[in-house]
C-alpha cells in the first residue's frame, strides 16, 4: 500500500506500508492491504505505520482526515504535536 501523511507545511511520510493504525473519531482502527474504500475523521492521537521493511514509525497528530482507496492512503493533518 502506498501511504502519504501530509500537513500544510510538509510531507511527513511517503512510502510503501503493510499497516497503518489511526485514531478514528469512533476509535482506533487499522488499514491493511485491500481495505474497503473509506474516508474518516481522525482525532488527537498516535498514528502507527509499519513499513514493508518491518520498521515501525509513530506520528502524533492533533486530528485530521484519512482516505483509503485502491491501496492508496492519504492522511491529511495539521502540524504534528
Protein backbone atom coordinates (compact mmCIF):
# COMPACT_ATOMS: atom_id res chain seq x y z
CA UNK A 1 0.00 0.00 0.00
CA UNK A 2 1.20 3.50 -0.75
CA UNK A 3 0.90 5.98 2.15
CA UNK A 4 1.27 9.75 2.32
CA UNK A 5 0.97 11.73 5.57
CA UNK A 6 0.64 15.39 4.66
CA UNK A 7 0.49 18.66 6.63
CA UNK A 8 0.02 22.13 5.12
CA UNK A 9 3.76 22.72 5.57
CA UNK A 10 5.36 19.39 4.68
CA UNK A 11 5.16 15.78 3.65
CA UNK A 12 5.71 13.87 6.91
CA UNK A 13 5.83 10.40 5.37
CA UNK A 14 5.65 8.81 1.94
CA UNK A 15 6.27 5.16 1.23
CA UNK A 16 5.05 1.59 0.98
CA UNK A 17 3.47 0.18 4.14
CA UNK A 18 1.94 -3.07 5.33
CA UNK A 19 -0.21 -1.43 8.03
CA UNK A 20 -1.37 1.92 9.33
CA UNK A 21 -3.19 2.37 12.64
CA UNK A 22 -5.01 5.67 13.19
CA UNK A 23 -7.06 7.33 15.96
CA UNK A 24 -10.52 7.48 14.37
CA UNK A 25 -13.35 9.58 15.76
CA UNK A 26 -15.12 6.36 16.86
CA UNK A 27 -11.98 4.55 18.00
CA UNK A 28 -8.61 3.39 16.76
CA UNK A 29 -8.63 1.32 13.58
CA UNK A 30 -6.13 -0.33 11.23
CA UNK A 31 -5.88 -0.36 7.47
CA UNK A 32 -4.38 -3.40 5.80
CA UNK A 33 -3.92 -4.32 2.14
CA UNK A 34 -7.13 -4.33 0.06
CA UNK A 35 -9.10 -2.44 2.71
CA UNK A 36 -12.51 -1.22 1.58
CA UNK A 37 -12.59 2.42 0.43
CA UNK A 38 -13.14 4.79 3.36
CA UNK A 39 -12.96 8.43 4.34
CA UNK A 40 -12.86 9.08 8.09
CA UNK A 41 -12.11 11.88 10.50
CA UNK A 42 -9.23 11.46 12.91
CA UNK A 43 -8.81 12.74 16.45
CA UNK A 44 -5.74 13.65 18.50
CA UNK A 45 -3.51 10.64 18.99
CA UNK A 46 -0.77 8.47 17.54
CA UNK A 47 -0.54 7.16 14.00
CA UNK A 48 1.38 3.89 13.80
CA UNK A 49 2.96 2.94 10.49
CA UNK A 50 4.57 -0.41 9.72
CA UNK A 51 6.68 -0.24 6.56
CA UNK A 52 7.17 -3.16 4.19
CA UNK A 53 10.71 -3.41 5.60
CA UNK A 54 9.19 -4.11 9.03
CA UNK A 55 10.13 -0.76 10.59
CA UNK A 56 7.55 0.88 12.85
CA UNK A 57 7.16 4.65 12.87
CA UNK A 58 4.88 6.78 15.04
CA UNK A 59 3.43 10.24 14.42
CA UNK A 60 1.50 12.33 16.96
CA UNK A 61 -1.33 14.20 15.26
CA UNK A 62 -3.89 16.72 16.54
CA UNK A 63 -6.60 15.27 14.26
CA UNK A 64 -7.28 15.17 10.56
CA UNK A 65 -8.76 13.04 7.78
CA UNK A 66 -7.83 9.70 6.21
CA UNK A 67 -8.78 8.49 2.74
CA UNK A 68 -8.26 4.89 1.64
CA UNK A 69 -8.90 3.85 -1.96
CA UNK A 70 -7.35 1.03 -4.00
CA UNK A 71 -4.38 0.59 -1.63
CA UNK A 72 -3.61 4.32 -1.77
CA UNK A 73 -3.80 6.00 1.65
CA UNK A 74 -3.68 9.72 2.32
CA UNK A 75 -3.67 11.21 5.82
CA UNK A 76 -4.21 14.97 6.00
CA UNK A 77 -3.37 16.58 9.32
CA UNK A 78 -2.10 19.76 10.89
CA UNK A 79 1.44 20.04 12.20
CA UNK A 80 2.34 17.03 14.32
CA UNK A 81 2.22 17.55 18.09
